[in-house]
C-alpha atoms as a PDB file:
ATOM      1  CA  MET A   1      -0.027  -0.038  -0.096  1.00  0.00           C
ATOM      2  CA  ILE A   2       1.215   3.550  -0.759  1.00  0.00           C
ATOM      3  CA  THR A   3      -0.089   6.237   1.181  1.00  0.00           C
ATOM      4  CA  MET A   4       1.061   9.910   0.189  1.00  0.00           C
ATOM      5  CA  ILE A   5       0.756  13.012   2.423  1.00  0.00           C
ATOM      6  CA  THR A   6       1.263  16.298   0.879  1.00  0.00           C
ATOM      7  CA  GLY A   7       1.266  19.946   2.268  1.00  0.00           C
ATOM      8  CA  GLY A   8       3.119  23.094   2.671  1.00  0.00           C
ATOM      9  CA  GLN A   9       6.304  23.598   4.888  1.00  0.00           C
ATOM     10  CA  ARG A  10       5.847  23.328   8.442  1.00  0.00           C
ATOM     11  CA  SER A  11       2.164  22.208   7.850  1.00  0.00           C
ATOM     12  CA  GLY A  12       2.447  19.178  10.221  1.00  0.00           C
ATOM     13  CA  LYS A  13       2.787  16.469   7.420  1.00  0.00           C
ATOM     14  CA  SER A  14       5.639  14.982   8.846  1.00  0.00           C
ATOM     15  CA  LEU A  15       4.135  14.465  12.366  1.00  0.00           C
ATOM     16  CA  PHE A  16       0.828  13.171  10.849  1.00  0.00           C
ATOM     17  CA  ALA A  17       2.795  10.631   8.643  1.00  0.00           C
ATOM     18  CA  GLU A  18       4.723   9.521  11.663  1.00  0.00           C
ATOM     19  CA  LYS A  19       1.715   8.874  13.788  1.00  0.00           C
ATOM     20  CA  LEU A  20       0.285   6.994  10.930  1.00  0.00           C
ATOM     21  CA  ALA A  21       3.422   4.887  10.554  1.00  0.00           C
ATOM     22  CA  LEU A  22       3.503   4.113  14.328  1.00  0.00           C
ATOM     23  CA  SER A  23      -0.352   3.003  14.047  1.00  0.00           C
ATOM     24  CA  LYS A  24       0.717   0.539  11.682  1.00  0.00           C
ATOM     25  CA  SER A  25       3.914  -0.827  13.182  1.00  0.00           C
ATOM     26  CA  ASP A  26       5.864  -1.165  16.561  1.00  0.00           C
ATOM     27  CA  ARG A  27       9.098  -0.501  14.616  1.00  0.00           C
ATOM     28  CA  PRO A  28       8.583   1.388  11.329  1.00  0.00           C
ATOM     29  CA  CYS A  29      11.374   2.418   8.821  1.00  0.00           C
ATOM     30  CA  TYR A  30      12.292   6.199   8.358  1.00  0.00           C
ATOM     31  CA  LEU A  31      13.722   6.730   4.987  1.00  0.00           C
ATOM     32  CA  ALA A  32      15.430  10.052   5.152  1.00  0.00           C
ATOM     33  CA  THR A  33      16.369  11.750   1.875  1.00  0.00           C
ATOM     34  CA  ALA A  34      17.947  14.802   3.124  1.00  0.00           C
ATOM     35  CA  ARG A  35      21.375  16.205   2.461  1.00  0.00           C
ATOM     36  CA  VAL A  36      22.508  18.309   5.224  1.00  0.00           C
ATOM     37  CA  PHE A  37      24.469  21.422   4.200  1.00  0.00           C
ATOM     38  CA  ASP A  38      24.135  23.618   7.099  1.00  0.00           C
ATOM     39  CA  ASP A  39      23.820  24.114  11.085  1.00  0.00           C
ATOM     40  CA  GLU A  40      20.214  25.315  10.647  1.00  0.00           C
ATOM     41  CA  PHE A  41      19.132  22.172   8.789  1.00  0.00           C
ATOM     42  CA  ARG A  42      20.888  19.948  10.972  1.00  0.00           C
ATOM     43  CA  LYS A  43      19.069  21.399  13.685  1.00  0.00           C
ATOM     44  CA  ARG A  44      15.920  20.519  11.959  1.00  0.00           C
ATOM     45  CA  VAL A  45      16.944  16.938  11.213  1.00  0.00           C
ATOM     46  CA  ASP A  46      18.112  16.636  14.915  1.00  0.00           C
ATOM     47  CA  VAL A  47      14.672  17.713  16.167  1.00  0.00           C
ATOM     48  CA  HIS A  48      13.027  15.229  13.817  1.00  0.00           C
ATOM     49  CA  LYS A  49      15.063  12.406  15.090  1.00  0.00           C
ATOM     50  CA  GLU A  50      14.501  13.409  18.810  1.00  0.00           C
ATOM     51  CA  ARG A  51      10.871  13.471  18.228  1.00  0.00           C
ATOM     52  CA  ARG A  52      10.754  10.035  16.570  1.00  0.00           C
ATOM     53  CA  GLY A  53      13.093   8.418  19.337  1.00  0.00           C
ATOM     54  CA  ASP A  54      14.396   4.646  19.465  1.00  0.00           C
ATOM     55  CA  ARG A  55      11.236   3.201  18.167  1.00  0.00           C
ATOM     56  CA  TRP A  56      12.408   3.802  14.441  1.00  0.00           C
ATOM     57  CA  VAL A  57      14.801   2.220  12.105  1.00  0.00           C
ATOM     58  CA  ASN A  58      16.583   5.142  10.573  1.00  0.00           C
ATOM     59  CA  LEU A  59      17.752   4.822   6.900  1.00  0.00           C
ATOM     60  CA  GLU A  60      19.528   7.860   5.482  1.00  0.00           C
ATOM     61  CA  VAL A  61      19.370   7.530   1.587  1.00  0.00           C
ATOM     62  CA  PRO A  62      19.577  10.896  -0.340  1.00  0.00           C
ATOM     63  CA  LEU A  63      19.360   9.121  -3.963  1.00  0.00           C
ATOM     64  CA  LYS A  64      18.980   5.550  -4.383  1.00  0.00           C
ATOM     65  CA  VAL A  65      15.971   4.830  -2.408  1.00  0.00           C
ATOM     66  CA  SER A  66      15.457   1.597  -4.273  1.00  0.00           C
ATOM     67  CA  GLU A  67      18.776   0.273  -2.290  1.00  0.00           C
ATOM     68  CA  ALA A  68      17.538   1.040   0.933  1.00  0.00           C
ATOM     69  CA  GLY A  69      17.379  -1.909   3.424  1.00  0.00           C
ATOM     70  CA  ILE A  70      13.675  -2.545   3.534  1.00  0.00           C
ATOM     71  CA  GLY A  71      12.199  -5.850   4.164  1.00  0.00           C
ATOM     72  CA  GLU A  72       9.006  -7.597   3.284  1.00  0.00           C
ATOM     73  CA  GLY A  73       6.075  -6.462   5.393  1.00  0.00           C
ATOM     74  CA  ASP A  74       7.883  -3.257   6.616  1.00  0.00           C
ATOM     75  CA  VAL A  75       6.141  -0.015   7.203  1.00  0.00           C
ATOM     76  CA  VAL A  76       8.264   2.770   5.673  1.00  0.00           C
ATOM     77  CA  LEU A  77       7.893   6.625   5.845  1.00  0.00           C
ATOM     78  CA  LEU A  78       9.755   8.052   3.112  1.00  0.00           C
ATOM     79  CA  ASP A  79      10.425  11.902   4.160  1.00  0.00           C
ATOM     80  CA  CYS A  80      10.362  13.468   1.852  1.00  0.00           C
ATOM     81  CA  LEU A  81       9.908  13.215  -1.713  1.00  0.00           C
ATOM     82  CA  THR A  82      10.751  16.848  -2.437  1.00  0.00           C
ATOM     83  CA  LEU A  83      14.199  16.389  -1.078  1.00  0.00           C
ATOM     84  CA  LEU A  84      14.689  13.129  -3.109  1.00  0.00           C
ATOM     85  CA  ALA A  85      13.564  15.176  -6.127  1.00  0.00           C
ATOM     86  CA  THR A  86      15.791  17.950  -5.374  1.00  0.00           C
ATOM     87  CA  ASN A  87      18.835  15.843  -4.822  1.00  0.00           C
ATOM     88  CA  TRP A  88      18.035  14.175  -8.446  1.00  0.00           C
ATOM     89  CA  PHE A  89      17.475  17.357  -9.952  1.00  0.00           C
ATOM     90  CA  PHE A  90      20.876  18.625  -9.258  1.00  0.00           C
ATOM     91  CA  GLU A  91      22.414  14.955  -9.945  1.00  0.00           C
ATOM     92  CA  CYS A  92      20.911  15.063 -13.429  1.00  0.00           C
ATOM     93  CA  GLY A  93      22.066  18.713 -14.260  1.00  0.00           C
ATOM     94  CA  GLU A  94      18.872  20.276 -13.854  1.00  0.00           C
ATOM     95  CA  ASP A  95      16.972  18.489 -16.506  1.00  0.00           C
ATOM     96  CA  VAL A  96      13.146  18.216 -16.042  1.00  0.00           C
ATOM     97  CA  LYS A  97      12.647  15.035 -17.898  1.00  0.00           C
ATOM     98  CA  VAL A  98      15.745  13.287 -17.028  1.00  0.00           C
ATOM     99  CA  THR A  99      15.136  14.065 -13.434  1.00  0.00           C
ATOM    100  CA  VAL A 100      11.480  12.883 -13.421  1.00  0.00           C
ATOM    101  CA  ASN A 101      12.502   9.579 -15.172  1.00  0.00           C
ATOM    102  CA  PHE A 102      15.237   8.903 -12.597  1.00  0.00           C
ATOM    103  CA  VAL A 103      13.045   9.858  -9.657  1.00  0.00           C
ATOM    104  CA  THR A 104      10.035   7.704 -10.853  1.00  0.00           C
ATOM    105  CA  ALA A 105      12.251   4.728 -11.715  1.00  0.00           C
ATOM    106  CA  GLU A 106      13.713   4.960  -8.250  1.00  0.00           C
ATOM    107  CA  LEU A 107      10.237   5.094  -6.792  1.00  0.00           C
ATOM    108  CA  GLU A 108       8.817   2.180  -9.033  1.00  0.00           C
ATOM    109  CA  ALA A 109      11.483  -0.054  -7.848  1.00  0.00           C
ATOM    110  CA  LEU A 110      11.287   0.793  -4.079  1.00  0.00           C
ATOM    111  CA  PHE A 111       7.331   0.343  -4.325  1.00  0.00           C
ATOM    112  CA  SER A 112       7.699  -3.028  -5.934  1.00  0.00           C
ATOM    113  CA  ARG A 113       8.815  -4.248  -2.413  1.00  0.00           C
ATOM    114  CA  MET A 114       6.039  -6.012  -0.317  1.00  0.00           C
ATOM    115  CA  ALA A 115       6.051  -3.306   2.124  1.00  0.00           C
ATOM    116  CA  ASP A 116       3.678  -0.491   3.203  1.00  0.00           C
ATOM    117  CA  PHE A 117       4.997   2.975   2.287  1.00  0.00           C
ATOM    118  CA  ILE A 118       4.076   6.555   3.514  1.00  0.00           C
ATOM    119  CA  VAL A 119       5.281   9.266   1.288  1.00  0.00           C
ATOM    120  CA  VAL A 120       5.551  12.824   2.570  1.00  0.00           C
ATOM    121  CA  THR A 121       6.096  15.534  -0.161  1.00  0.00           C
ATOM    122  CA  ASN A 122       5.636  19.289  -0.189  1.00  0.00           C
ATOM    123  CA  GLU A 123       2.822  20.994  -2.392  1.00  0.00           C
ATOM    124  CA  ILE A 124       4.911  23.749  -3.705  1.00  0.00           C
ATOM    125  CA  GLY A 125       2.756  24.666  -6.728  1.00  0.00           C
ATOM    126  CA  LEU A 126       0.286  26.519  -4.631  1.00  0.00           C
ATOM    127  CA  GLY A 127       2.059  29.944  -4.604  1.00  0.00           C
ATOM    128  CA  GLY A 128       2.684  32.176  -7.591  1.00  0.00           C
ATOM    129  CA  VAL A 129       4.999  31.548 -10.609  1.00  0.00           C
ATOM    130  CA  SER A 130       8.675  32.141  -9.665  1.00  0.00           C
ATOM    131  CA  PRO A 131      10.366  34.675 -11.733  1.00  0.00           C
ATOM    132  CA  ASN A 132      13.532  32.323 -11.332  1.00  0.00           C
ATOM    133  CA  ALA A 133      13.785  29.549 -14.117  1.00  0.00           C
ATOM    134  CA  LEU A 134      15.480  27.309 -11.935  1.00  0.00           C
ATOM    135  CA  GLN A 135      12.814  27.190  -9.568  1.00  0.00           C
ATOM    136  CA  ARG A 136      10.067  27.115 -12.353  1.00  0.00           C
ATOM    137  CA  ARG A 137      11.959  23.832 -13.657  1.00  0.00           C
ATOM    138  CA  PHE A 138      11.986  22.456 -10.165  1.00  0.00           C
ATOM    139  CA  ALA A 139       8.237  22.971  -9.748  1.00  0.00           C
ATOM    140  CA  ASP A 140       7.823  21.110 -12.971  1.00  0.00           C
ATOM    141  CA  VAL A 141       9.706  18.116 -11.716  1.00  0.00           C
ATOM    142  CA  GLN A 142       8.015  18.134  -8.234  1.00  0.00           C
ATOM    143  CA  GLY A 143       4.413  18.621 -10.050  1.00  0.00           C
ATOM    144  CA  ALA A 144       5.248  15.627 -12.045  1.00  0.00           C
ATOM    145  CA  VAL A 145       6.511  13.448  -9.430  1.00  0.00           C
ATOM    146  CA  ASN A 146       3.906  14.398  -7.086  1.00  0.00           C
ATOM    147  CA  GLN A 147       1.175  13.515  -9.536  1.00  0.00           C
ATOM    148  CA  TRP A 148       2.825  10.216 -10.471  1.00  0.00           C
ATOM    149  CA  VAL A 149       2.862   9.105  -6.725  1.00  0.00           C
ATOM    150  CA  ALA A 150      -0.554  10.248  -6.187  1.00  0.00           C
ATOM    151  CA  GLU A 151      -1.716   8.095  -9.009  1.00  0.00           C
ATOM    152  CA  CYS A 152       0.077   5.057  -7.622  1.00  0.00           C
ATOM    153  CA  ALA A 153      -1.209   5.829  -4.008  1.00  0.00           C
ATOM    154  CA  SER A 154      -4.250   4.207  -2.489  1.00  0.00           C
ATOM    155  CA  GLU A 155      -4.509   7.166  -0.253  1.00  0.00           C
ATOM    156  CA  VAL A 156      -3.516  10.833  -0.421  1.00  0.00           C
ATOM    157  CA  TYR A 157      -3.871  13.330   2.278  1.00  0.00           C
ATOM    158  CA  LEU A 158      -3.575  17.148   2.193  1.00  0.00           C
ATOM    159  CA  VAL A 159      -2.333  18.606   5.590  1.00  0.00           C
ATOM    160  CA  VAL A 160      -3.279  22.040   6.211  1.00  0.00           C
ATOM    161  CA  SER A 161      -2.207  23.949   9.595  1.00  0.00           C
ATOM    162  CA  GLY A 162      -1.909  20.468  11.319  1.00  0.00           C
ATOM    163  CA  ILE A 163      -5.139  19.117   9.897  1.00  0.00           C
ATOM    164  CA  PRO A 164      -4.992  16.055   7.629  1.00  0.00           C
ATOM    165  CA  VAL A 165      -7.681  16.186   4.924  1.00  0.00           C
ATOM    166  CA  LYS A 166      -8.137  12.720   2.838  1.00  0.00           C
ATOM    167  CA  ILE A 167      -8.496  13.751  -0.805  1.00  0.00           C
ATOM    168  CA  LYS A 168      -8.198  10.118  -2.134  1.00  0.00           C
END
């Protein structure tokens, strides 16, 4: 099963996803895709780790999520799809089509495992159109990848101000 959880930054989507994962497993896997580049972001990552505690199996995989150590029947929280797409975007020379192909291929291989997946992503397209060409290209990537995952998912939630709303 695939559950997608989308929303804006700081909307409460990760907390909702963590609660959902813990309702399904006593020891879920946390598949972190972040690359930590500065102290401020390291602090954010540390806050997430502290909140989760020892009940989680932590896997840090910024690109090749299909190679993560996931077993049959695991409950896996991928947090987040936006950072995974960002990592691939720069690996692929900022090419939209190539990036979308790499990300969806990785996810397809990951989702082929007999596990229960919860995918957190950002809904970045709710704001205005950016004047920056790089940001517009990344928005194209994120929109395409989000739509692909939503199509694969059995359930999709939009989290707004800490309130999850089931939309599929």
